[in-house]
Amino acid sequence: MPNTPVASDLDISDFDYHLPPELIAQHPAERRDASRLLHLDAGGGLHDRQFTDLPALLRAGDLLVFNDTRVIKARLRGHKASGGQVEVLIERILDPQHALAHIRASKSPRPGTRLILADGAFEAEVTGREDALFELAFPDAVLDLLERHGSVPLPPYITHRADSDDESRYQTVYADKPGAVAAPTAGLHFDEAMLDRLRAQGIDTAFVTLHVGAGTFQPVRVTHIRDHIMHAERYVVPAETLRKIRETRARGGRVIAVGTTSVRSLEAAAHEGDGEHATEGDTRIFITPGYRFAHVDALITNFHLPQSTLLMLVSALAGMEPIRRAYEHAVQSRYRFFSYGDAMFIEAAQTSPAQTP
């Protein structure tokens, strides 16, 4: 049997596939649970289902782990006091009146630059820079200003400007803690009726928080994936969630992450924590084939961009060849891709990788 490839053996071309542009979903399905569901089982088998079939794939005693982050209206438009147009995308709120942001402008603003935003509703000042991000000082609470004047930061592959429909549908029904600039999109398929149905079936639920950053859409710009530096994202895994994981394991149930952000949170906690106490901080965890999962047995997720770190993560869970076949099948079967697209239910491969890079 050939050695399982690890990050040092792989380059970006190992995670490429052809996606016809018309398969990129531009709008959500009419109902949250109306999407299709491609089931990739532990033996590598593929099964075409509907998302409403999910309860049949779960067992009493399983644990679903959701990311309860809330998407903020992180995009602002305006101009410099000197006149040049700017677009601001908040990446992280540092304290009530300061944030780190991406700024798109013809010329990078220097510290002291005043930005007149939201048709003159307020001004922000550039106070410093951290790598590609700018630190901004706001005259009032950042979250309040964004809620009043910002817009939903739709991903770059969605071509329309955010509207009122996006404000509700690019948000999970259980969103609670504001801070994300991109939705944990696997959770968009769940409505209250589905959650009630799963609870009635004996499926337990738990939550983590990972504030998804715009870096989730950044392409991998290196040939050898071992050279890629992951963006940092803030996460919290409560003690209650860790307790439920232990109890699930004790009764023989499975831990099923809803979204790659839940995977990253749980696996970061496994590396950084003691398994009992709440774990939080910044994570740059980079999960690639060869990784041994500590907490996750299965994953509900959407389809991911070619050459992306998230495609590498699902390849680590299911195996590279099964994921290649699944994506080829999804393209041929005209599944809808990315944030507003269809879903997958991925069970961990039966043969675990022998190494953890």
Protein backbone atom coordinates (compact mmCIF):
# COMPACT_ATOMS: atom_id res chain seq x y z
CA MET A 1 0.00 0.00 0.00
CA PRO A 2 1.55 3.39 -0.95
CA ASN A 3 2.51 5.86 1.75
CA THR A 4 -0.11 8.42 2.61
CA PRO A 5 1.00 11.77 1.15
CA VAL A 6 1.71 14.52 3.64
CA ALA A 7 2.04 18.26 3.12
CA SER A 8 5.72 18.06 2.20
CA ASP A 9 4.91 15.74 -0.73
CA LEU A 10 2.18 17.87 -2.26
CA ASP A 11 1.91 20.96 -4.37
CA ILE A 12 -0.94 23.23 -5.33
CA SER A 13 -1.72 21.36 -8.56
CA ASP A 14 -2.82 18.35 -6.50
CA PHE A 15 -5.85 20.38 -5.39
CA ASP A 16 -7.06 21.78 -8.70
CA TYR A 17 -10.22 20.98 -10.62
CA HIS A 18 -12.21 22.52 -13.45
CA LEU A 19 -15.39 24.32 -12.41
CA PRO A 20 -17.74 25.77 -15.04
CA PRO A 21 -18.54 29.32 -13.87
CA GLU A 22 -22.28 28.77 -14.20
CA LEU A 23 -22.13 26.26 -11.32
CA ILE A 24 -21.14 28.98 -8.83
CA ALA A 25 -24.35 29.71 -6.94
CA GLN A 26 -25.18 33.42 -6.99
CA HIS A 27 -28.28 33.20 -4.78
CA PRO A 28 -29.43 30.82 -2.04
CA ALA A 29 -32.00 28.11 -2.61
CA GLU A 30 -35.61 29.12 -2.05
CA ARG A 31 -35.59 27.36 1.33
CA ARG A 32 -32.57 26.78 3.55
CA ASP A 33 -32.99 22.99 3.48
CA ALA A 34 -33.80 22.79 -0.26
CA SER A 35 -30.24 22.17 -1.42
CA ARG A 36 -28.80 18.89 -2.61
CA LEU A 37 -26.50 16.79 -0.43
CA LEU A 38 -23.67 14.64 -1.77
CA HIS A 39 -22.86 11.88 0.72
CA LEU A 40 -19.27 10.60 0.65
CA ASP A 41 -19.24 7.56 2.92
CA ALA A 42 -16.29 6.14 4.86
CA GLY A 43 -15.61 3.59 2.14
CA GLY A 44 -15.43 6.22 -0.58
CA GLY A 45 -18.93 5.60 -1.97
CA LEU A 46 -20.92 8.50 -3.41
CA HIS A 47 -24.66 8.96 -2.89
CA ASP A 48 -26.84 11.74 -4.32
CA ARG A 49 -29.30 12.96 -1.72
CA GLN A 50 -31.25 16.02 -0.62
CA PHE A 51 -30.33 18.02 2.48
CA THR A 52 -33.65 16.97 3.99
CA ASP A 53 -32.20 13.41 4.02
CA LEU A 54 -29.57 14.42 6.61
CA PRO A 55 -31.43 12.98 9.63
CA ALA A 56 -31.31 9.53 8.00
CA LEU A 57 -27.50 9.75 7.90
CA LEU A 58 -27.22 10.54 11.61
CA ARG A 59 -27.71 8.32 14.64
CA ALA A 60 -29.06 8.96 18.12
CA GLY A 61 -26.07 9.77 20.28
CA ASP A 62 -24.20 11.68 17.56
CA LEU A 63 -23.05 15.23 18.30
CA LEU A 64 -23.33 18.10 15.80
CA VAL A 65 -20.92 20.98 16.46
CA PHE A 66 -21.95 24.37 15.01
CA ASN A 67 -20.06 27.65 14.68
CA ASP A 68 -22.24 30.35 16.25
CA THR A 69 -20.34 33.35 14.86
CA ARG A 70 -22.44 36.16 13.44
CA VAL A 71 -21.58 37.91 10.18
CA ILE A 72 -21.19 41.66 10.61
CA LYS A 73 -21.93 44.26 7.93
CA ALA A 74 -18.22 44.65 7.42
CA ARG A 75 -18.06 46.45 4.06
CA LEU A 76 -17.95 50.26 3.91
CA ARG A 77 -17.49 52.57 0.95
CA GLY A 78 -16.31 56.16 0.88
CA HIS A 79 -13.35 58.34 0.03
CA LYS A 80 -10.24 59.83 1.52
CA ALA A 81 -10.38 63.39 2.74
CA SER A 82 -8.09 64.10 -0.23
CA GLY A 83 -10.73 62.71 -2.60
CA GLY A 84 -9.65 59.20 -3.67
CA GLN A 85 -12.28 56.46 -3.53
CA VAL A 86 -11.87 53.70 -0.91
CA GLU A 87 -13.55 50.46 0.00
CA VAL A 88 -13.05 49.19 3.55
CA LEU A 89 -13.55 45.59 4.65
CA ILE A 90 -13.29 45.13 8.40
CA GLU A 91 -11.26 42.03 9.22
CA ARG A 92 -11.19 42.11 13.02
CA ILE A 93 -12.60 44.33 15.74
CA LEU A 94 -9.84 45.05 18.25
CA ASP A 95 -11.87 46.95 20.84
CA PRO A 96 -15.12 48.94 20.74
CA GLN A 97 -13.66 51.76 18.62
CA HIS A 98 -10.71 50.17 16.78
CA ALA A 99 -10.52 47.56 14.05
CA LEU A 100 -8.17 46.02 11.50
CA ALA A 101 -9.31 46.30 7.91
CA HIS A 102 -8.46 45.66 4.30
CA ILE A 103 -8.54 48.91 2.34
CA ARG A 104 -8.89 49.02 -1.41
CA ALA A 105 -7.67 52.33 -2.83
CA SER A 106 -5.61 53.62 -5.73
CA LYS A 107 -2.83 54.40 -3.22
CA SER A 108 -2.35 52.85 0.22
CA PRO A 109 -3.38 55.31 2.94
CA ARG A 110 -0.75 56.41 5.44
CA PRO A 111 -1.25 56.82 9.21
CA GLY A 112 -3.22 59.97 9.83
CA THR A 113 -5.32 59.60 6.68
CA ARG A 114 -8.99 60.43 7.26
CA LEU A 115 -11.58 58.24 5.52
CA ILE A 116 -15.03 59.74 4.94
CA LEU A 117 -17.39 56.78 4.88
CA ALA A 118 -21.03 55.93 4.16
CA ASP A 119 -21.88 59.07 2.17
CA GLY A 120 -20.33 61.27 4.84
CA ALA A 121 -22.13 59.67 7.80
CA PHE A 122 -18.87 59.42 9.76
CA GLU A 123 -15.10 59.47 9.49
CA ALA A 124 -12.44 56.92 10.45
CA GLU A 125 -8.72 57.55 10.81
CA VAL A 126 -5.89 55.26 9.73
CA THR A 127 -3.67 54.89 12.82
CA GLY A 128 -1.26 52.13 11.78
CA ARG A 129 -0.66 49.01 9.76
CA GLU A 130 -0.18 45.28 10.40
CA ASP A 131 1.14 43.60 7.26
CA ALA A 132 -1.67 43.88 4.69
CA LEU A 133 -4.17 45.23 7.23
CA PHE A 134 -4.75 48.81 8.36
CA GLU A 135 -5.71 49.82 11.90
CA LEU A 136 -8.64 52.22 11.97
CA ALA A 137 -10.00 54.40 14.78
CA PHE A 138 -13.76 55.06 14.69
CA PRO A 139 -15.71 57.89 16.37
CA ASP A 140 -18.25 55.52 17.89
CA ALA A 141 -18.70 51.79 18.56
CA VAL A 142 -17.55 49.93 15.45
CA LEU A 143 -20.33 47.36 15.57
CA ASP A 144 -23.02 50.03 15.86
CA LEU A 145 -21.61 51.99 12.93
CA LEU A 146 -21.37 48.87 10.78
CA GLU A 147 -24.91 47.82 11.60
CA ARG A 148 -26.23 51.25 10.57
CA HIS A 149 -24.03 51.97 7.57
CA GLY A 150 -22.24 48.81 6.44
CA SER A 151 -23.23 46.10 3.99
CA VAL A 152 -22.95 42.32 4.09
CA PRO A 153 -19.50 41.31 2.80
CA LEU A 154 -20.47 38.75 0.17
CA PRO A 155 -17.62 36.59 -1.20
CA PRO A 156 -15.76 37.84 -4.28
CA TYR A 157 -17.30 35.15 -6.53
CA ILE A 158 -20.83 36.42 -5.86
CA THR A 159 -21.32 39.19 -8.37
CA HIS A 160 -24.34 41.15 -7.08
CA ARG A 161 -24.25 43.76 -4.35
CA ALA A 162 -25.65 42.59 -1.04
CA ASP A 163 -29.36 43.22 -0.55
CA SER A 164 -31.93 42.62 2.18
CA ASP A 165 -32.26 38.95 1.17
CA ASP A 166 -28.53 38.47 1.70
CA GLU A 167 -28.77 40.09 5.12
CA SER A 168 -30.95 37.21 6.29
CA ARG A 169 -29.75 34.31 4.15
CA TYR A 170 -25.99 34.91 4.49
CA GLN A 171 -26.45 34.29 8.22
CA THR A 172 -27.17 31.07 10.09
CA VAL A 173 -30.39 30.84 12.10
CA TYR A 174 -28.31 30.24 15.25
CA ALA A 175 -25.81 33.08 14.69
CA ASP A 176 -25.06 34.68 18.04
CA LYS A 177 -21.61 36.24 18.52
CA PRO A 178 -20.80 39.07 16.06
CA GLY A 179 -17.38 39.16 14.46
CA ALA A 180 -17.24 37.19 11.19
CA VAL A 181 -16.78 38.76 7.79
CA ALA A 182 -17.76 35.55 6.00
CA ALA A 183 -20.50 33.10 6.90
CA PRO A 184 -19.82 29.56 8.14
CA THR A 185 -21.71 28.44 5.07
CA ALA A 186 -22.40 24.79 5.92
CA GLY A 187 -24.73 26.09 8.62
CA LEU A 188 -26.82 28.06 6.12
CA HIS A 189 -28.70 24.86 5.20
CA PHE A 190 -30.19 24.43 8.68
CA ASP A 191 -33.53 25.96 9.60
CA GLU A 192 -35.32 25.76 12.94
CA ALA A 193 -37.50 22.88 11.76
CA MET A 194 -34.43 20.80 10.85
CA LEU A 195 -32.79 21.54 14.19
CA ASP A 196 -35.97 20.52 16.04
CA ARG A 197 -36.18 17.32 14.01
CA LEU A 198 -32.59 16.39 14.84
CA ARG A 199 -33.05 17.04 18.56
CA ALA A 200 -36.17 14.88 18.56
CA GLN A 201 -34.11 12.13 16.94
CA GLY A 202 -31.62 12.17 19.82
CA ILE A 203 -28.88 14.14 18.07
CA ASP A 204 -27.01 16.36 20.53
CA THR A 205 -25.70 19.81 19.60
CA ALA A 206 -22.82 21.98 20.78
CA PHE A 207 -21.21 25.24 19.69
CA VAL A 208 -17.84 26.76 19.01
CA THR A 209 -17.07 30.28 17.84
CA LEU A 210 -14.65 31.08 15.05
CA HIS A 211 -14.84 34.53 13.52
CA VAL A 212 -14.26 33.80 9.85
CA GLY A 213 -11.91 36.31 8.24
CA ALA A 214 -11.59 37.48 4.67
CA GLY A 215 -8.40 35.42 4.50
CA THR A 216 -10.58 32.35 3.99
CA PHE A 217 -10.95 33.50 0.36
CA GLN A 218 -7.27 34.25 -0.20
CA PRO A 219 -5.66 31.95 -2.77
CA VAL A 220 -2.67 29.79 -1.95
CA ARG A 221 0.17 31.55 -3.76
CA VAL A 222 2.94 28.97 -3.29
CA THR A 223 3.70 25.88 -5.35
CA HIS A 224 4.57 23.60 -2.43
CA ILE A 225 1.81 23.70 0.13
CA ARG A 226 4.28 23.22 2.99
CA ASP A 227 5.37 26.83 2.28
CA HIS A 228 1.88 28.30 2.74
CA ILE A 229 1.32 30.53 5.78
CA MET A 230 -2.25 30.34 7.07
CA HIS A 231 -4.17 33.45 8.04
CA ALA A 232 -5.08 33.75 11.72
CA GLU A 233 -8.64 33.52 12.99
CA ARG A 234 -9.99 33.99 16.51
CA TYR A 235 -11.74 30.96 18.03
CA VAL A 236 -13.35 29.80 21.27
CA VAL A 237 -14.22 26.22 22.24
CA PRO A 238 -16.26 26.26 25.48
CA ALA A 239 -15.75 23.71 28.25
CA GLU A 240 -19.37 22.60 27.70
CA THR A 241 -18.55 21.59 24.11
CA LEU A 242 -15.50 19.63 25.23
CA ARG A 243 -17.63 17.87 27.86
CA LYS A 244 -20.16 16.89 25.22
CA ILE A 245 -17.38 15.52 23.01
CA ARG A 246 -16.15 13.31 25.85
CA GLU A 247 -19.68 12.09 26.56
CA THR A 248 -20.30 11.40 22.87
CA ARG A 249 -17.13 9.33 22.64
CA ALA A 250 -18.08 7.42 25.81
CA ARG A 251 -21.46 6.37 24.36
CA GLY A 252 -20.01 5.44 20.98
CA GLY A 253 -21.42 8.40 19.10
CA ARG A 254 -19.75 10.44 16.38
CA VAL A 255 -18.60 14.06 16.52
CA ILE A 256 -19.83 15.73 13.33
CA ALA A 257 -18.54 19.21 12.56
CA VAL A 258 -20.87 21.56 10.74
CA GLY A 259 -18.43 23.44 8.52
CA THR A 260 -14.69 23.60 8.16
CA THR A 261 -14.57 26.43 10.69
CA SER A 262 -15.94 24.07 13.34
CA VAL A 263 -13.29 21.53 12.32
CA ARG A 264 -10.51 24.10 12.66
CA SER A 265 -11.81 25.20 16.07
CA LEU A 266 -12.08 21.67 17.44
CA GLU A 267 -8.71 20.57 16.12
CA ALA A 268 -7.03 23.75 17.35
CA ALA A 269 -8.47 23.07 20.80
CA ALA A 270 -7.17 19.51 20.66
CA HIS A 271 -3.65 20.84 20.10
CA GLU A 272 -3.77 23.85 22.42
CA GLY A 273 -6.02 22.75 25.30
CA ASP A 274 -6.29 20.01 27.90
CA GLY A 275 -9.60 18.58 26.69
CA GLU A 276 -11.57 19.88 29.67
CA HIS A 277 -11.21 23.63 30.02
CA ALA A 278 -12.36 26.27 27.55
CA THR A 279 -9.78 26.98 24.88
CA GLU A 280 -9.48 30.22 22.94
CA GLY A 281 -7.01 32.27 20.97
CA ASP A 282 -5.81 32.79 17.43
CA THR A 283 -5.37 29.72 15.27
CA ARG A 284 -3.36 29.23 12.11
CA ILE A 285 -3.96 25.48 12.03
CA PHE A 286 -3.33 24.14 8.51
CA ILE A 287 -4.94 20.74 7.93
CA THR A 288 -3.60 18.83 4.96
CA PRO A 289 -3.55 15.16 3.88
CA GLY A 290 -1.61 13.15 6.44
CA TYR A 291 -3.20 14.95 9.38
CA ARG A 292 -4.65 12.76 12.17
CA PHE A 293 -7.96 14.18 13.43
CA ALA A 294 -8.40 14.30 17.20
CA HIS A 295 -12.05 15.35 17.54
CA VAL A 296 -13.85 15.06 14.20
CA ASP A 297 -15.44 11.91 12.73
CA ALA A 298 -17.51 13.47 9.96
CA LEU A 299 -18.18 16.82 8.36
CA ILE A 300 -21.07 18.70 6.79
CA THR A 301 -19.65 21.25 4.36
CA ASN A 302 -20.19 23.07 1.09
CA PHE A 303 -18.00 22.67 -2.00
CA HIS A 304 -14.73 24.59 -1.88
CA LEU A 305 -12.66 26.61 -4.32
CA PRO A 306 -9.95 24.94 -6.40
CA GLN A 307 -6.47 25.13 -4.86
CA SER A 308 -7.90 26.30 -1.52
CA THR A 309 -6.83 25.36 1.99
CA LEU A 310 -10.39 24.15 2.65
CA LEU A 311 -10.17 21.67 -0.23
CA MET A 312 -6.98 20.42 1.41
CA LEU A 313 -8.83 20.03 4.73
CA VAL A 314 -11.62 17.88 3.29
CA SER A 315 -9.00 15.84 1.40
CA ALA A 316 -7.31 15.18 4.74
CA LEU A 317 -10.56 13.85 6.21
CA ALA A 318 -11.80 11.71 3.32
CA GLY A 319 -8.66 11.06 1.28
CA MET A 320 -7.44 12.83 -1.82
CA GLU A 321 -8.76 10.37 -4.39
CA PRO A 322 -12.29 10.15 -2.90
CA ILE A 323 -12.50 13.95 -2.86
CA ARG A 324 -11.30 14.14 -6.47
CA ARG A 325 -14.01 11.68 -7.50
CA ALA A 326 -16.63 13.50 -5.44
CA TYR A 327 -15.86 16.84 -7.05
CA GLU A 328 -15.78 15.36 -10.55
CA HIS A 329 -19.18 13.79 -9.83
CA ALA A 330 -20.53 17.05 -8.43
CA VAL A 331 -19.49 18.96 -11.55
CA GLN A 332 -20.92 16.33 -13.88
CA SER A 333 -24.15 16.21 -11.86
CA ARG A 334 -24.48 20.00 -11.88
CA TYR A 335 -24.33 20.57 -8.16
CA ARG A 336 -24.24 24.23 -7.09
CA PHE A 337 -20.91 25.38 -5.66
CA PHE A 338 -19.54 27.59 -2.89
CA SER A 339 -21.27 29.71 -0.24
CA TYR A 340 -24.85 29.64 -1.56
CA GLY A 341 -24.43 26.20 -3.12
CA ASP A 342 -25.16 22.60 -2.21
CA ALA A 343 -23.70 20.56 0.63
CA MET A 344 -21.65 17.44 1.30
CA PHE A 345 -21.78 14.96 4.16
CA ILE A 346 -18.26 13.52 4.46
CA GLU A 347 -17.44 10.60 6.71
CA ALA A 348 -13.79 10.17 7.71
CA ALA A 349 -11.97 7.60 5.62
CA GLN A 350 -11.88 4.10 7.11
CA THR A 351 -8.08 3.99 6.95
CA SER A 352 -6.58 6.76 9.05
CA PRO A 353 -3.39 8.51 7.93
CA ALA A 354 -0.28 7.19 9.66
CA GLN A 355 1.32 10.56 10.22
CA THR A 356 0.54 13.98 11.58
CA PRO A 357 2.69 16.63 9.93
